Amino acid sequence: MSRLISAPNLNRGNYASPTEAKYAGMSAREEIARERILQKDYARIWLPPPVKHSPWDETD
């Protein structure tokens, strides 16, 4: 049994980057919808909750 050599990241569409190749098959509407979903996940996971008050305000 011999092993076949494969090139999984073969650039067949003459794209500048793998990301460009991934989004090339999508319409603009699909791409925007996908990006909105990703941004919601980013906001949920990475962004801290908003500050409700200024910590520098003095309350004497």
C-alpha atoms as a PDB file:
ATOM      1  CA  MET A   1       0.000   0.000   0.000  1.00  0.00           C
ATOM      2  CA  SER A   2       1.447   3.364  -0.958  1.00  0.00           C
ATOM      3  CA  ARG A   3       0.537   6.755   0.364  1.00  0.00           C
ATOM      4  CA  LEU A   4      -0.815   9.383  -2.003  1.00  0.00           C
ATOM      5  CA  ILE A   5       0.468  12.907  -1.694  1.00  0.00           C
ATOM      6  CA  SER A   6      -2.305  15.458  -1.483  1.00  0.00           C
ATOM      7  CA  ALA A   7      -2.339  19.235  -1.362  1.00  0.00           C
ATOM      8  CA  PRO A   8      -5.330  20.265   0.798  1.00  0.00           C
ATOM      9  CA  ASN A   9      -4.643  23.999   0.451  1.00  0.00           C
ATOM     10  CA  LEU A  10      -4.166  23.989  -3.284  1.00  0.00           C
ATOM     11  CA  ASN A  11      -4.953  27.425  -4.662  1.00  0.00           C
ATOM     12  CA  ARG A  12      -7.028  26.520  -7.718  1.00  0.00           C
ATOM     13  CA  GLY A  13      -8.977  29.771  -8.027  1.00  0.00           C
ATOM     14  CA  ASN A  14      -5.984  32.122  -8.043  1.00  0.00           C
ATOM     15  CA  TYR A  15      -7.127  33.752  -4.778  1.00  0.00           C
ATOM     16  CA  ALA A  16      -4.856  35.929  -2.677  1.00  0.00           C
ATOM     17  CA  SER A  17      -5.633  34.110   0.583  1.00  0.00           C
ATOM     18  CA  PRO A  18      -7.432  31.054   1.946  1.00  0.00           C
ATOM     19  CA  THR A  19     -10.071  33.368   3.434  1.00  0.00           C
ATOM     20  CA  GLU A  20     -10.752  34.934   0.052  1.00  0.00           C
ATOM     21  CA  ALA A  21     -11.109  31.467  -1.466  1.00  0.00           C
ATOM     22  CA  LYS A  22     -13.553  30.463   1.296  1.00  0.00           C
ATOM     23  CA  TYR A  23     -15.801  33.470   0.725  1.00  0.00           C
ATOM     24  CA  ALA A  24     -15.566  33.412  -3.087  1.00  0.00           C
ATOM     25  CA  GLY A  25     -18.464  30.988  -3.463  1.00  0.00           C
ATOM     26  CA  MET A  26     -20.812  33.058  -1.286  1.00  0.00           C
ATOM     27  CA  SER A  27     -23.062  35.858  -2.354  1.00  0.00           C
ATOM     28  CA  ALA A  28     -22.658  39.217  -0.624  1.00  0.00           C
ATOM     29  CA  ARG A  29     -25.885  38.624   1.312  1.00  0.00           C
ATOM     30  CA  GLU A  30     -24.694  35.237   2.597  1.00  0.00           C
ATOM     31  CA  GLU A  31     -21.328  36.682   3.567  1.00  0.00           C
ATOM     32  CA  ILE A  32     -22.923  39.545   5.529  1.00  0.00           C
ATOM     33  CA  ALA A  33     -25.322  37.158   7.299  1.00  0.00           C
ATOM     34  CA  ARG A  34     -22.455  34.874   8.260  1.00  0.00           C
ATOM     35  CA  GLU A  35     -20.391  37.800   9.530  1.00  0.00           C
ATOM     36  CA  ARG A  36     -23.305  39.044  11.677  1.00  0.00           C
ATOM     37  CA  ILE A  37     -23.566  35.634  13.332  1.00  0.00           C
ATOM     38  CA  LEU A  38     -19.828  35.573  13.989  1.00  0.00           C
ATOM     39  CA  GLN A  39     -19.930  39.089  15.447  1.00  0.00           C
ATOM     40  CA  LYS A  40     -22.766  38.112  17.821  1.00  0.00           C
ATOM     41  CA  ASP A  41     -20.687  35.189  19.071  1.00  0.00           C
ATOM     42  CA  TYR A  42     -17.674  37.472  19.461  1.00  0.00           C
ATOM     43  CA  ALA A  43     -19.681  40.016  21.463  1.00  0.00           C
ATOM     44  CA  ARG A  44     -21.134  37.274  23.674  1.00  0.00           C
ATOM     45  CA  ILE A  45     -17.800  35.592  24.392  1.00  0.00           C
ATOM     46  CA  TRP A  46     -15.099  38.265  24.386  1.00  0.00           C
ATOM     47  CA  LEU A  47     -16.532  41.693  25.155  1.00  0.00           C
ATOM     48  CA  PRO A  48     -16.892  42.623  28.824  1.00  0.00           C
ATOM     49  CA  PRO A  49     -20.226  43.911  30.089  1.00  0.00           C
ATOM     50  CA  PRO A  50     -20.696  47.682  29.748  1.00  0.00           C
ATOM     51  CA  VAL A  51     -19.739  49.857  32.701  1.00  0.00           C
ATOM     52  CA  LYS A  52     -22.865  51.122  34.443  1.00  0.00           C
ATOM     53  CA  HIS A  53     -21.140  53.934  36.294  1.00  0.00           C
ATOM     54  CA  SER A  54     -17.855  55.745  36.114  1.00  0.00           C
ATOM     55  CA  PRO A  55     -15.448  54.403  38.736  1.00  0.00           C
ATOM     56  CA  TRP A  56     -13.807  57.847  38.967  1.00  0.00           C
ATOM     57  CA  ASP A  57     -16.962  59.622  40.118  1.00  0.00           C
ATOM     58  CA  GLU A  58     -16.719  60.472  43.771  1.00  0.00           C
ATOM     59  CA  THR A  59     -19.783  59.850  45.883  1.00  0.00           C
ATOM     60  CA  ASP A  60     -19.251  61.877  49.041  1.00  0.00           C
END
